[in-house]
Amino acid sequence: MGSTVHESLEYLYRFLKKYPDQRILLIQILEKYENIWNENWSNDVKIVKEGMKKEDYFLQGKKILSEYYQEHQPFSHEETLSIEERIDINIEGFRLMGFVDRLALSQNGVLKIYDYKTSGKLPDPENLKNDRQLSLYQIGIRKKYPQYAENEIEIVYHYLAFNKEFKFQKNNEEIEAVKKNVIDLIQTIEFSSWTNDFPARVGTLCRWCEFSSLCPYFKSNVVE
């Protein structure tokens, strides 16, 4: 459901970029959603949440898109600069890559980096504030769009199921802290590789891990 909603939003904003003088109807977006869903649905998809069926997720996606459309149409309050854009980040020789869901320019000149979430649970705002993802995207955006070097940047986590946005602005000091944190993490991983020391982190997702056949914790039935 999450990926189908993302593709439907991508369709919406690509349409608006290509046909800025045309109005897009909600029925067009919902039809696109249904087509993507039907093209990609497979009986191999496993629904693990108790009490949920395929139809529940399908209708939940339609509800999310309908509410998003009603809230934001006619989509004229900001200019979409790019959708699903690849961003390359270089931090002291370490190269990272990501994809920005949507980059927009508000009417007051603020660059807005959007990340759309379809999670059924809201995060702790403090944990989200310390999340690295969009801070790293901000680094890449600054380099890729030098014409906006002086513009403020706002990072926006949009939790679609709740129609709730969490907005943050990171100053230079905070961005430098993110860079240091990433370098420390990479070096920790490299050291673990050199010493062949990758301790398992047991959690609720272990039973779906693609590397369970290699994990001594899984093999020894520590994970049930």
N, C-alpha and C. Protein backbone atom coordinates (compact mmCIF):
# COMPACT_ATOMS: atom_id res chain seq x y z
N MET A 1 0.83 -1.20 0.00
CA MET A 1 0.00 0.00 0.00
C MET A 1 0.86 1.26 0.00
N GLY A 2 1.93 1.22 0.82
CA GLY A 2 2.79 2.40 0.91
C GLY A 2 3.41 2.79 -0.42
N SER A 3 3.95 1.82 -1.14
CA SER A 3 4.60 2.13 -2.41
C SER A 3 3.58 2.57 -3.45
N THR A 4 2.37 2.02 -3.41
CA THR A 4 1.33 2.40 -4.37
C THR A 4 0.86 3.84 -4.11
N VAL A 5 0.73 4.21 -2.86
CA VAL A 5 0.38 5.59 -2.52
C VAL A 5 1.49 6.54 -2.98
N HIS A 6 2.75 6.16 -2.75
CA HIS A 6 3.87 7.00 -3.20
C HIS A 6 3.84 7.20 -4.72
N GLU A 7 3.60 6.12 -5.46
CA GLU A 7 3.56 6.23 -6.92
C GLU A 7 2.40 7.10 -7.37
N SER A 8 1.29 7.04 -6.65
CA SER A 8 0.13 7.86 -7.00
C SER A 8 0.40 9.33 -6.76
N LEU A 9 1.09 9.65 -5.66
CA LEU A 9 1.47 11.04 -5.40
C LEU A 9 2.49 11.52 -6.43
N GLU A 10 3.38 10.63 -6.82
CA GLU A 10 4.34 10.99 -7.87
C GLU A 10 3.60 11.32 -9.17
N TYR A 11 2.61 10.50 -9.51
CA TYR A 11 1.79 10.76 -10.70
C TYR A 11 1.11 12.13 -10.59
N LEU A 12 0.56 12.43 -9.43
CA LEU A 12 -0.13 13.70 -9.20
C LEU A 12 0.80 14.87 -9.48
N TYR A 13 1.98 14.86 -8.88
CA TYR A 13 2.86 16.02 -9.01
C TYR A 13 3.56 16.09 -10.37
N ARG A 14 3.78 14.96 -11.00
CA ARG A 14 4.33 15.01 -12.36
C ARG A 14 3.30 15.58 -13.33
N PHE A 15 2.04 15.23 -13.13
CA PHE A 15 0.98 15.79 -13.95
C PHE A 15 0.94 17.31 -13.80
N LEU A 16 1.02 17.79 -12.56
CA LEU A 16 0.95 19.23 -12.30
C LEU A 16 2.14 19.96 -12.90
N LYS A 17 3.32 19.33 -12.90
CA LYS A 17 4.49 19.97 -13.51
C LYS A 17 4.35 20.03 -15.03
N LYS A 18 3.80 18.96 -15.61
CA LYS A 18 3.69 18.89 -17.06
C LYS A 18 2.54 19.75 -17.58
N TYR A 19 1.46 19.81 -16.81
CA TYR A 19 0.28 20.58 -17.25
C TYR A 19 -0.09 21.59 -16.15
N PRO A 20 0.71 22.62 -15.98
CA PRO A 20 0.47 23.57 -14.88
C PRO A 20 -0.84 24.33 -14.97
N ASP A 21 -1.40 24.41 -16.16
CA ASP A 21 -2.64 25.16 -16.33
C ASP A 21 -3.88 24.28 -16.27
N GLN A 22 -3.68 22.98 -16.06
CA GLN A 22 -4.82 22.07 -16.00
C GLN A 22 -5.09 21.64 -14.55
N ARG A 23 -6.33 21.36 -14.29
CA ARG A 23 -6.72 20.86 -12.97
C ARG A 23 -6.75 19.34 -13.01
N ILE A 24 -6.18 18.72 -12.01
CA ILE A 24 -6.24 17.27 -11.93
C ILE A 24 -7.37 16.89 -10.97
N LEU A 25 -8.18 15.92 -11.36
CA LEU A 25 -9.33 15.51 -10.56
C LEU A 25 -8.95 14.36 -9.64
N LEU A 26 -9.64 14.28 -8.53
CA LEU A 26 -9.40 13.20 -7.58
C LEU A 26 -9.62 11.85 -8.23
N ILE A 27 -10.63 11.73 -9.09
CA ILE A 27 -10.92 10.44 -9.73
C ILE A 27 -9.74 9.96 -10.57
N GLN A 28 -8.99 10.90 -11.16
CA GLN A 28 -7.82 10.51 -11.95
C GLN A 28 -6.75 9.87 -11.05
N ILE A 29 -6.55 10.45 -9.88
CA ILE A 29 -5.55 9.93 -8.96
C ILE A 29 -5.96 8.56 -8.42
N LEU A 30 -7.23 8.42 -8.08
CA LEU A 30 -7.71 7.14 -7.55
C LEU A 30 -7.68 6.04 -8.61
N GLU A 31 -7.97 6.40 -9.85
CA GLU A 31 -7.88 5.42 -10.93
C GLU A 31 -6.43 4.98 -11.13
N LYS A 32 -5.51 5.93 -11.04
CA LYS A 32 -4.09 5.60 -11.16
C LYS A 32 -3.67 4.68 -10.02
N TYR A 33 -4.13 4.99 -8.82
CA TYR A 33 -3.83 4.16 -7.65
C TYR A 33 -4.31 2.73 -7.87
N GLU A 34 -5.55 2.59 -8.33
CA GLU A 34 -6.11 1.25 -8.53
C GLU A 34 -5.35 0.50 -9.61
N ASN A 35 -4.97 1.18 -10.69
CA ASN A 35 -4.21 0.53 -11.76
C ASN A 35 -2.85 0.04 -11.26
N ILE A 36 -2.17 0.87 -10.50
CA ILE A 36 -0.86 0.48 -9.97
C ILE A 36 -1.01 -0.70 -9.02
N TRP A 37 -2.05 -0.64 -8.18
CA TRP A 37 -2.30 -1.72 -7.22
C TRP A 37 -2.53 -3.04 -7.97
N ASN A 38 -3.40 -3.03 -8.97
CA ASN A 38 -3.73 -4.26 -9.69
C ASN A 38 -2.54 -4.80 -10.48
N GLU A 39 -1.71 -3.89 -11.01
CA GLU A 39 -0.55 -4.33 -11.78
C GLU A 39 0.51 -5.00 -10.90
N ASN A 40 0.57 -4.59 -9.65
CA ASN A 40 1.66 -5.06 -8.79
C ASN A 40 1.22 -6.06 -7.73
N TRP A 41 -0.09 -6.24 -7.56
CA TRP A 41 -0.53 -7.18 -6.54
C TRP A 41 -0.20 -8.61 -6.95
N SER A 42 0.23 -9.39 -6.00
CA SER A 42 0.53 -10.79 -6.23
C SER A 42 0.05 -11.59 -5.03
N ASN A 43 -0.37 -12.81 -5.26
CA ASN A 43 -0.80 -13.68 -4.17
C ASN A 43 0.36 -14.08 -3.27
N ASP A 44 1.59 -13.77 -3.73
CA ASP A 44 2.76 -14.02 -2.88
C ASP A 44 2.89 -12.99 -1.76
N VAL A 45 2.15 -11.88 -1.87
CA VAL A 45 2.20 -10.86 -0.82
C VAL A 45 1.59 -11.44 0.45
N LYS A 46 2.35 -11.35 1.53
CA LYS A 46 1.90 -11.91 2.81
C LYS A 46 1.44 -10.79 3.73
N ILE A 47 0.22 -10.89 4.21
CA ILE A 47 -0.32 -9.92 5.16
C ILE A 47 -0.11 -10.47 6.56
N VAL A 48 0.71 -9.80 7.35
CA VAL A 48 1.11 -10.34 8.65
C VAL A 48 0.33 -9.71 9.80
N LYS A 49 -0.31 -8.56 9.56
CA LYS A 49 -1.02 -7.90 10.66
C LYS A 49 -2.37 -8.59 10.88
N GLU A 50 -2.58 -9.03 12.10
CA GLU A 50 -3.79 -9.77 12.42
C GLU A 50 -5.03 -8.91 12.22
N GLY A 51 -6.02 -9.49 11.58
CA GLY A 51 -7.29 -8.80 11.37
C GLY A 51 -7.35 -7.95 10.12
N MET A 52 -6.24 -7.86 9.39
CA MET A 52 -6.21 -7.05 8.17
C MET A 52 -6.26 -7.93 6.93
N LYS A 53 -6.97 -7.46 5.91
CA LYS A 53 -7.07 -8.15 4.64
C LYS A 53 -6.57 -7.23 3.53
N LYS A 54 -6.41 -7.82 2.36
CA LYS A 54 -5.98 -7.06 1.19
C LYS A 54 -6.87 -5.84 0.97
N GLU A 55 -8.18 -6.05 1.06
CA GLU A 55 -9.14 -4.97 0.80
C GLU A 55 -9.00 -3.83 1.81
N ASP A 56 -8.62 -4.17 3.04
CA ASP A 56 -8.45 -3.13 4.06
C ASP A 56 -7.32 -2.18 3.69
N TYR A 57 -6.20 -2.74 3.25
CA TYR A 57 -5.06 -1.92 2.86
C TYR A 57 -5.38 -1.09 1.60
N PHE A 58 -6.10 -1.72 0.66
CA PHE A 58 -6.48 -1.03 -0.57
C PHE A 58 -7.33 0.20 -0.25
N LEU A 59 -8.34 0.02 0.60
CA LEU A 59 -9.24 1.13 0.95
C LEU A 59 -8.52 2.18 1.79
N GLN A 60 -7.58 1.74 2.61
CA GLN A 60 -6.81 2.68 3.42
C GLN A 60 -6.00 3.62 2.52
N GLY A 61 -5.41 3.06 1.45
CA GLY A 61 -4.66 3.87 0.51
C GLY A 61 -5.55 4.88 -0.20
N LYS A 62 -6.74 4.47 -0.58
CA LYS A 62 -7.68 5.39 -1.25
C LYS A 62 -8.08 6.51 -0.30
N LYS A 63 -8.28 6.18 0.95
CA LYS A 63 -8.66 7.18 1.95
C LYS A 63 -7.54 8.20 2.13
N ILE A 64 -6.30 7.72 2.21
CA ILE A 64 -5.14 8.61 2.37
C ILE A 64 -5.07 9.59 1.20
N LEU A 65 -5.20 9.09 -0.02
CA LEU A 65 -5.10 9.94 -1.21
C LEU A 65 -6.26 10.93 -1.28
N SER A 66 -7.44 10.50 -0.92
CA SER A 66 -8.61 11.38 -0.97
C SER A 66 -8.45 12.53 0.02
N GLU A 67 -8.00 12.22 1.23
CA GLU A 67 -7.83 13.26 2.24
C GLU A 67 -6.69 14.20 1.86
N TYR A 68 -5.64 13.65 1.26
CA TYR A 68 -4.52 14.50 0.84
C TYR A 68 -4.98 15.47 -0.25
N TYR A 69 -5.74 14.95 -1.19
CA TYR A 69 -6.23 15.79 -2.29
C TYR A 69 -7.11 16.91 -1.76
N GLN A 70 -8.05 16.57 -0.88
CA GLN A 70 -8.97 17.58 -0.36
C GLN A 70 -8.23 18.65 0.44
N GLU A 71 -7.18 18.25 1.12
CA GLU A 71 -6.43 19.19 1.96
C GLU A 71 -5.57 20.14 1.14
N HIS A 72 -5.00 19.66 0.00
CA HIS A 72 -3.99 20.44 -0.72
C HIS A 72 -4.44 21.02 -2.06
N GLN A 73 -5.51 20.54 -2.63
CA GLN A 73 -5.95 21.11 -3.91
C GLN A 73 -6.36 22.56 -3.69
N PRO A 74 -6.10 23.46 -4.66
CA PRO A 74 -5.66 23.20 -6.04
C PRO A 74 -4.14 23.16 -6.23
N PHE A 75 -3.38 22.89 -5.16
CA PHE A 75 -1.93 22.66 -5.25
C PHE A 75 -1.17 23.87 -5.81
N SER A 76 -1.62 25.06 -5.42
CA SER A 76 -1.01 26.28 -5.95
C SER A 76 -0.20 27.05 -4.91
N HIS A 77 -0.08 26.50 -3.69
CA HIS A 77 0.57 27.26 -2.61
C HIS A 77 2.09 27.16 -2.67
N GLU A 78 2.62 26.27 -3.51
CA GLU A 78 4.07 26.13 -3.66
C GLU A 78 4.38 25.50 -5.01
N GLU A 79 5.61 25.69 -5.45
CA GLU A 79 6.05 25.16 -6.75
C GLU A 79 6.86 23.88 -6.52
N THR A 80 6.44 22.80 -7.17
CA THR A 80 7.19 21.55 -7.09
C THR A 80 8.38 21.62 -8.04
N LEU A 81 9.58 21.46 -7.49
CA LEU A 81 10.80 21.51 -8.29
C LEU A 81 11.18 20.14 -8.83
N SER A 82 10.97 19.11 -8.04
CA SER A 82 11.33 17.76 -8.50
C SER A 82 10.56 16.72 -7.69
N ILE A 83 10.44 15.53 -8.27
CA ILE A 83 9.75 14.40 -7.63
C ILE A 83 10.64 13.18 -7.76
N GLU A 84 10.78 12.45 -6.65
CA GLU A 84 11.60 11.23 -6.64
C GLU A 84 12.98 11.50 -7.27
N GLU A 85 13.61 12.56 -6.83
CA GLU A 85 14.90 12.95 -7.40
C GLU A 85 16.05 12.29 -6.66
N ARG A 86 16.99 11.75 -7.44
CA ARG A 86 18.17 11.16 -6.83
C ARG A 86 19.09 12.27 -6.32
N ILE A 87 19.56 12.08 -5.09
CA ILE A 87 20.47 13.04 -4.47
C ILE A 87 21.75 12.30 -4.07
N ASP A 88 22.88 12.84 -4.50
CA ASP A 88 24.18 12.28 -4.14
C ASP A 88 24.83 13.17 -3.08
N ILE A 89 25.33 12.54 -2.05
CA ILE A 89 25.93 13.26 -0.93
C ILE A 89 27.37 12.78 -0.76
N ASN A 90 28.28 13.73 -0.62
CA ASN A 90 29.69 13.40 -0.39
C ASN A 90 30.12 14.06 0.91
N ILE A 91 30.48 13.22 1.88
CA ILE A 91 30.92 13.72 3.18
C ILE A 91 32.35 13.23 3.43
N GLU A 92 33.29 14.12 3.19
CA GLU A 92 34.71 13.82 3.39
C GLU A 92 35.12 12.54 2.67
N GLY A 93 34.66 12.41 1.43
CA GLY A 93 35.04 11.27 0.62
C GLY A 93 34.12 10.08 0.72
N PHE A 94 33.24 10.07 1.69
CA PHE A 94 32.24 9.00 1.82
C PHE A 94 31.02 9.41 1.00
N ARG A 95 30.61 8.54 0.10
CA ARG A 95 29.52 8.86 -0.81
C ARG A 95 28.24 8.13 -0.41
N LEU A 96 27.15 8.89 -0.36
CA LEU A 96 25.84 8.33 -0.06
C LEU A 96 24.86 8.77 -1.14
N MET A 97 23.74 8.06 -1.23
CA MET A 97 22.75 8.37 -2.25
C MET A 97 21.35 8.15 -1.68
N GLY A 98 20.43 9.00 -2.08
CA GLY A 98 19.05 8.84 -1.66
C GLY A 98 18.10 9.41 -2.70
N PHE A 99 16.81 9.27 -2.45
CA PHE A 99 15.80 9.80 -3.36
C PHE A 99 14.82 10.66 -2.56
N VAL A 100 14.71 11.92 -2.97
CA VAL A 100 13.81 12.86 -2.31
C VAL A 100 12.41 12.67 -2.87
N ASP A 101 11.43 12.40 -1.99
CA ASP A 101 10.06 12.22 -2.46
C ASP A 101 9.58 13.44 -3.25
N ARG A 102 9.76 14.62 -2.65
CA ARG A 102 9.38 15.84 -3.36
C ARG A 102 10.16 17.02 -2.83
N LEU A 103 10.62 17.86 -3.74
CA LEU A 103 11.28 19.11 -3.39
C LEU A 103 10.41 20.25 -3.90
N ALA A 104 10.10 21.20 -3.04
CA ALA A 104 9.20 22.29 -3.42
C ALA A 104 9.75 23.63 -2.94
N LEU A 105 9.28 24.67 -3.59
CA LEU A 105 9.64 26.04 -3.23
C LEU A 105 8.36 26.76 -2.81
N SER A 106 8.33 27.20 -1.56
CA SER A 106 7.14 27.88 -1.05
C SER A 106 7.06 29.29 -1.60
N GLN A 107 5.91 29.92 -1.40
CA GLN A 107 5.70 31.27 -1.91
C GLN A 107 6.61 32.29 -1.23
N ASN A 108 7.07 31.99 -0.02
CA ASN A 108 7.99 32.91 0.66
C ASN A 108 9.45 32.51 0.48
N GLY A 109 9.72 31.59 -0.49
CA GLY A 109 11.09 31.28 -0.86
C GLY A 109 11.79 30.22 -0.04
N VAL A 110 11.05 29.47 0.76
CA VAL A 110 11.65 28.39 1.55
C VAL A 110 11.67 27.10 0.74
N LEU A 111 12.85 26.46 0.66
CA LEU A 111 12.94 25.14 0.03
C LEU A 111 12.41 24.10 1.00
N LYS A 112 11.52 23.24 0.51
CA LYS A 112 10.90 22.25 1.40
C LYS A 112 11.20 20.85 0.88
N ILE A 113 11.83 20.06 1.73
CA ILE A 113 12.17 18.67 1.39
C ILE A 113 11.13 17.77 2.05
N TYR A 114 10.30 17.12 1.22
CA TYR A 114 9.21 16.30 1.74
C TYR A 114 9.58 14.82 1.74
N ASP A 115 9.17 14.16 2.82
CA ASP A 115 9.24 12.71 2.88
C ASP A 115 7.86 12.21 3.32
N TYR A 116 7.23 11.41 2.46
CA TYR A 116 5.88 10.94 2.74
C TYR A 116 5.92 9.57 3.40
N LYS A 117 5.21 9.46 4.53
CA LYS A 117 5.17 8.22 5.30
C LYS A 117 3.74 7.69 5.33
N THR A 118 3.59 6.37 5.16
CA THR A 118 2.26 5.76 5.24
C THR A 118 2.13 4.91 6.50
N SER A 119 3.02 5.08 7.45
CA SER A 119 2.99 4.33 8.69
C SER A 119 1.67 4.55 9.42
N GLY A 120 1.22 3.51 10.11
CA GLY A 120 0.01 3.61 10.91
C GLY A 120 0.27 4.07 12.32
N LYS A 121 1.49 4.52 12.59
CA LYS A 121 1.86 4.96 13.94
C LYS A 121 2.65 6.26 13.84
N LEU A 122 2.32 7.22 14.68
CA LEU A 122 3.06 8.47 14.69
C LEU A 122 4.35 8.32 15.49
N PRO A 123 5.41 8.99 15.06
CA PRO A 123 6.70 8.87 15.75
C PRO A 123 6.79 9.82 16.94
N ASP A 124 7.79 9.61 17.75
CA ASP A 124 8.16 10.57 18.78
C ASP A 124 8.82 11.75 18.08
N PRO A 125 8.28 12.96 18.19
CA PRO A 125 8.85 14.11 17.47
C PRO A 125 10.33 14.33 17.76
N GLU A 126 10.78 14.05 18.98
CA GLU A 126 12.18 14.26 19.31
C GLU A 126 13.07 13.28 18.57
N ASN A 127 12.61 12.01 18.46
CA ASN A 127 13.37 11.03 17.68
C ASN A 127 13.41 11.42 16.22
N LEU A 128 12.29 11.93 15.72
CA LEU A 128 12.23 12.32 14.32
C LEU A 128 13.14 13.52 14.06
N LYS A 129 13.22 14.41 15.01
CA LYS A 129 14.09 15.58 14.86
C LYS A 129 15.54 15.16 14.70
N ASN A 130 15.92 14.05 15.35
CA ASN A 130 17.30 13.57 15.29
C ASN A 130 17.54 12.58 14.16
N ASP A 131 16.52 12.33 13.35
CA ASP A 131 16.66 11.41 12.22
C ASP A 131 17.63 12.00 11.19
N ARG A 132 18.48 11.13 10.62
CA ARG A 132 19.52 11.61 9.71
C ARG A 132 19.05 11.82 8.28
N GLN A 133 18.01 11.10 7.85
CA GLN A 133 17.68 11.00 6.43
C GLN A 133 17.54 12.34 5.72
N LEU A 134 16.62 13.18 6.17
CA LEU A 134 16.37 14.42 5.46
C LEU A 134 17.45 15.47 5.70
N SER A 135 18.16 15.32 6.82
CA SER A 135 19.32 16.21 7.04
C SER A 135 20.39 15.92 6.00
N LEU A 136 20.58 14.65 5.68
CA LEU A 136 21.53 14.28 4.62
C LEU A 136 21.04 14.78 3.26
N TYR A 137 19.74 14.68 3.03
CA TYR A 137 19.19 15.20 1.78
C TYR A 137 19.43 16.71 1.67
N GLN A 138 19.35 17.40 2.80
CA GLN A 138 19.58 18.84 2.80
C GLN A 138 21.00 19.15 2.31
N ILE A 139 21.96 18.34 2.72
CA ILE A 139 23.35 18.53 2.27
C ILE A 139 23.43 18.38 0.76
N GLY A 140 22.78 17.32 0.23
CA GLY A 140 22.79 17.08 -1.21
C GLY A 140 22.06 18.16 -2.00
N ILE A 141 20.94 18.64 -1.44
CA ILE A 141 20.16 19.68 -2.11
C ILE A 141 20.95 20.97 -2.23
N ARG A 142 21.66 21.33 -1.17
CA ARG A 142 22.47 22.55 -1.19
C ARG A 142 23.48 22.52 -2.34
N LYS A 143 24.05 21.36 -2.57
CA LYS A 143 25.05 21.24 -3.63
C LYS A 143 24.41 21.19 -5.01
N LYS A 144 23.28 20.51 -5.13
CA LYS A 144 22.67 20.30 -6.43
C LYS A 144 21.92 21.54 -6.92
N TYR A 145 21.49 22.39 -5.99
CA TYR A 145 20.72 23.58 -6.36
C TYR A 145 21.42 24.83 -5.83
N PRO A 146 22.57 25.18 -6.41
CA PRO A 146 23.31 26.36 -5.92
C PRO A 146 22.55 27.66 -6.09
N GLN A 147 21.58 27.68 -7.01
CA GLN A 147 20.79 28.91 -7.21
C GLN A 147 19.93 29.23 -5.99
N TYR A 148 19.75 28.25 -5.10
CA TYR A 148 18.98 28.48 -3.88
C TYR A 148 19.88 28.45 -2.64
N ALA A 149 21.14 28.78 -2.83
CA ALA A 149 22.12 28.69 -1.74
C ALA A 149 21.75 29.55 -0.54
N GLU A 150 21.06 30.67 -0.79
CA GLU A 150 20.71 31.58 0.29
C GLU A 150 19.32 31.32 0.87
N ASN A 151 18.58 30.40 0.25
CA ASN A 151 17.23 30.13 0.73
C ASN A 151 17.24 29.28 1.99
N GLU A 152 16.28 29.54 2.86
CA GLU A 152 16.09 28.66 4.01
C GLU A 152 15.60 27.30 3.51
N ILE A 153 15.93 26.25 4.28
CA ILE A 153 15.46 24.90 3.96
C ILE A 153 14.65 24.36 5.14
N GLU A 154 13.51 23.78 4.80
CA GLU A 154 12.67 23.13 5.80
C GLU A 154 12.49 21.68 5.41
N ILE A 155 12.73 20.78 6.36
CA ILE A 155 12.51 19.36 6.09
C ILE A 155 11.16 18.96 6.70
N VAL A 156 10.38 18.21 5.91
CA VAL A 156 9.00 17.92 6.29
C VAL A 156 8.75 16.41 6.21
N TYR A 157 8.43 15.82 7.35
CA TYR A 157 7.98 14.42 7.38
C TYR A 157 6.46 14.46 7.43
N HIS A 158 5.83 13.96 6.36
CA HIS A 158 4.37 14.02 6.27
C HIS A 158 3.80 12.62 6.50
N TYR A 159 3.13 12.43 7.65
CA TYR A 159 2.51 11.14 7.98
C TYR A 159 1.08 11.15 7.43
N LEU A 160 0.94 10.51 6.27
CA LEU A 160 -0.27 10.64 5.47
C LEU A 160 -1.51 10.08 6.15
N ALA A 161 -1.37 8.97 6.87
CA ALA A 161 -2.54 8.35 7.49
C ALA A 161 -3.15 9.24 8.56
N PHE A 162 -2.37 10.19 9.09
CA PHE A 162 -2.85 11.10 10.13
C PHE A 162 -2.97 12.53 9.61
N ASN A 163 -2.59 12.73 8.35
CA ASN A 163 -2.58 14.07 7.76
C ASN A 163 -1.83 15.05 8.66
N LYS A 164 -0.66 14.60 9.13
CA LYS A 164 0.12 15.39 10.08
C LYS A 164 1.55 15.57 9.57
N GLU A 165 2.04 16.80 9.63
CA GLU A 165 3.40 17.12 9.21
C GLU A 165 4.27 17.46 10.41
N PHE A 166 5.50 16.96 10.37
CA PHE A 166 6.51 17.34 11.34
C PHE A 166 7.57 18.13 10.57
N LYS A 167 7.76 19.40 10.96
CA LYS A 167 8.65 20.28 10.20
C LYS A 167 9.84 20.68 11.08
N PHE A 168 11.02 20.69 10.46
CA PHE A 168 12.23 21.07 11.18
C PHE A 168 13.12 21.91 10.27
N GLN A 169 13.87 22.79 10.87
CA GLN A 169 14.92 23.52 10.17
C GLN A 169 16.23 23.28 10.90
N LYS A 170 17.25 22.85 10.14
CA LYS A 170 18.54 22.51 10.72
C LYS A 170 19.54 23.61 10.41
N ASN A 171 20.17 24.13 11.46
CA ASN A 171 21.20 25.15 11.26
C ASN A 171 22.53 24.49 10.90
N ASN A 172 23.52 25.29 10.59
CA ASN A 172 24.82 24.76 10.16
C ASN A 172 25.46 23.86 11.21
N GLU A 173 25.32 24.24 12.47
CA GLU A 173 25.90 23.44 13.55
C GLU A 173 25.27 22.05 13.60
N GLU A 174 23.95 22.00 13.43
CA GLU A 174 23.25 20.71 13.47
C GLU A 174 23.63 19.85 12.26
N ILE A 175 23.78 20.48 11.10
CA ILE A 175 24.17 19.73 9.91
C ILE A 175 25.59 19.17 10.07
N GLU A 176 26.49 19.95 10.65
CA GLU A 176 27.85 19.46 10.89
C GLU A 176 27.85 18.30 11.86
N ALA A 177 26.95 18.32 12.83
CA ALA A 177 26.83 17.21 13.78
C ALA A 177 26.35 15.94 13.07
N VAL A 178 25.43 16.10 12.12
CA VAL A 178 24.96 14.95 11.33
C VAL A 178 26.11 14.37 10.53
N LYS A 179 26.91 15.22 9.90
CA LYS A 179 28.06 14.75 9.13
C LYS A 179 29.00 13.94 10.01
N LYS A 180 29.31 14.45 11.20
CA LYS A 180 30.22 13.75 12.11
C LYS A 180 29.63 12.41 12.53
N ASN A 181 28.32 12.40 12.80
CA ASN A 181 27.65 11.16 13.21
C ASN A 181 27.73 10.11 12.11
N VAL A 182 27.55 10.53 10.85
CA VAL A 182 27.60 9.60 9.72
C VAL A 182 29.01 9.05 9.54
N ILE A 183 30.01 9.93 9.65
CA ILE A 183 31.40 9.48 9.51
C ILE A 183 31.75 8.48 10.62
N ASP A 184 31.33 8.77 11.84
CA ASP A 184 31.59 7.85 12.95
C ASP A 184 30.93 6.50 12.71
N LEU A 185 29.70 6.52 12.19
CA LEU A 185 28.97 5.28 11.93
C LEU A 185 29.67 4.46 10.84
N ILE A 186 30.08 5.12 9.76
CA ILE A 186 30.78 4.43 8.67
C ILE A 186 32.07 3.81 9.18
N GLN A 187 32.79 4.55 9.97
CA GLN A 187 34.06 4.03 10.49
C GLN A 187 33.83 2.87 11.44
N THR A 188 32.76 2.91 12.21
CA THR A 188 32.41 1.79 13.09
C THR A 188 32.12 0.54 12.27
N ILE A 189 31.37 0.71 11.18
CA ILE A 189 31.05 -0.42 10.29
C ILE A 189 32.32 -0.97 9.66
N GLU A 190 33.19 -0.08 9.19
CA GLU A 190 34.44 -0.53 8.59
C GLU A 190 35.29 -1.29 9.59
N PHE A 191 35.36 -0.80 10.81
CA PHE A 191 36.15 -1.50 11.85
C PHE A 191 35.56 -2.88 12.12
N SER A 192 34.22 -2.96 12.19
CA SER A 192 33.56 -4.26 12.39
C SER A 192 33.88 -5.21 11.26
N SER A 193 33.98 -4.68 10.02
CA SER A 193 34.33 -5.50 8.87
C SER A 193 35.75 -6.03 9.00
N TRP A 194 36.67 -5.17 9.43
CA TRP A 194 38.06 -5.60 9.56
C TRP A 194 38.22 -6.66 10.64
N THR A 195 37.44 -6.54 11.72
CA THR A 195 37.58 -7.48 12.85
C THR A 195 36.57 -8.62 12.77
N ASN A 196 35.74 -8.62 11.73
CA ASN A 196 34.70 -9.64 11.55
C ASN A 196 33.81 -9.73 12.79
N ASP A 197 33.40 -8.57 13.26
CA ASP A 197 32.61 -8.49 14.49
C ASP A 197 31.33 -7.71 14.21
N PHE A 198 30.27 -8.44 13.84
CA PHE A 198 28.97 -7.83 13.58
C PHE A 198 27.93 -8.45 14.52
N PRO A 199 27.85 -7.98 15.76
CA PRO A 199 26.88 -8.56 16.70
C PRO A 199 25.45 -8.36 16.24
N ALA A 200 24.63 -9.38 16.39
CA ALA A 200 23.23 -9.30 15.97
C ALA A 200 22.44 -8.39 16.91
N ARG A 201 21.44 -7.74 16.36
CA ARG A 201 20.52 -6.96 17.16
C ARG A 201 19.15 -7.63 17.08
N VAL A 202 18.81 -8.36 18.11
CA VAL A 202 17.57 -9.14 18.11
C VAL A 202 16.38 -8.20 18.25
N GLY A 203 15.37 -8.44 17.41
CA GLY A 203 14.16 -7.61 17.46
C GLY A 203 12.99 -8.30 16.80
N THR A 204 11.86 -7.60 16.76
CA THR A 204 10.62 -8.20 16.23
C THR A 204 10.68 -8.46 14.73
N LEU A 205 11.62 -7.80 14.02
CA LEU A 205 11.71 -7.97 12.57
C LEU A 205 12.59 -9.15 12.17
N CYS A 206 13.20 -9.82 13.16
CA CYS A 206 14.15 -10.89 12.85
C CYS A 206 13.53 -12.01 12.01
N ARG A 207 12.27 -12.31 12.27
CA ARG A 207 11.65 -13.44 11.56
C ARG A 207 11.46 -13.16 10.08
N TRP A 208 11.58 -11.89 9.68
CA TRP A 208 11.45 -11.55 8.26
C TRP A 208 12.80 -11.20 7.63
N CYS A 209 13.87 -11.33 8.39
CA CYS A 209 15.19 -10.95 7.89
C CYS A 209 15.67 -11.90 6.81
N GLU A 210 16.17 -11.34 5.71
CA GLU A 210 16.65 -12.16 4.60
C GLU A 210 17.97 -12.85 4.91
N PHE A 211 18.62 -12.47 6.02
CA PHE A 211 19.90 -13.04 6.39
C PHE A 211 19.79 -13.99 7.58
N SER A 212 18.56 -14.44 7.88
CA SER A 212 18.36 -15.29 9.05
C SER A 212 19.15 -16.59 8.97
N SER A 213 19.36 -17.09 7.74
CA SER A 213 20.09 -18.35 7.60
C SER A 213 21.56 -18.22 8.00
N LEU A 214 22.05 -16.99 8.05
CA LEU A 214 23.44 -16.74 8.41
C LEU A 214 23.60 -16.31 9.87
N CYS A 215 22.49 -16.11 10.56
CA CYS A 215 22.54 -15.51 11.89
C CYS A 215 22.59 -16.56 12.99
N PRO A 216 23.63 -16.57 13.82
CA PRO A 216 23.74 -17.55 14.90
C PRO A 216 22.63 -17.40 15.93
N TYR A 217 22.12 -16.18 16.11
CA TYR A 217 21.03 -15.98 17.08
C TYR A 217 19.76 -16.66 16.60
N PHE A 218 19.50 -16.55 15.32
CA PHE A 218 18.32 -17.18 14.73
C PHE A 218 18.45 -18.69 14.78
N LYS A 219 19.64 -19.18 14.42
CA LYS A 219 19.89 -20.62 14.36
C LYS A 219 19.77 -21.28 15.74
N SER A 220 20.15 -20.53 16.77
CA SER A 220 20.12 -21.11 18.11
C SER A 220 18.79 -20.89 18.82
N ASN A 221 17.79 -20.44 18.03
CA ASN A 221 16.42 -20.28 18.52
C ASN A 221 16.29 -19.21 19.60
N VAL A 222 17.25 -18.27 19.62
CA VAL A 222 17.10 -17.15 20.54
C VAL A 222 15.91 -16.30 20.09
N VAL A 223 15.77 -16.20 18.76
CA VAL A 223 14.65 -15.47 18.19
C VAL A 223 13.51 -16.46 17.95
N GLU A 224 12.38 -16.21 18.57
CA GLU A 224 11.24 -17.12 18.43
C GLU A 224 10.16 -16.49 17.57
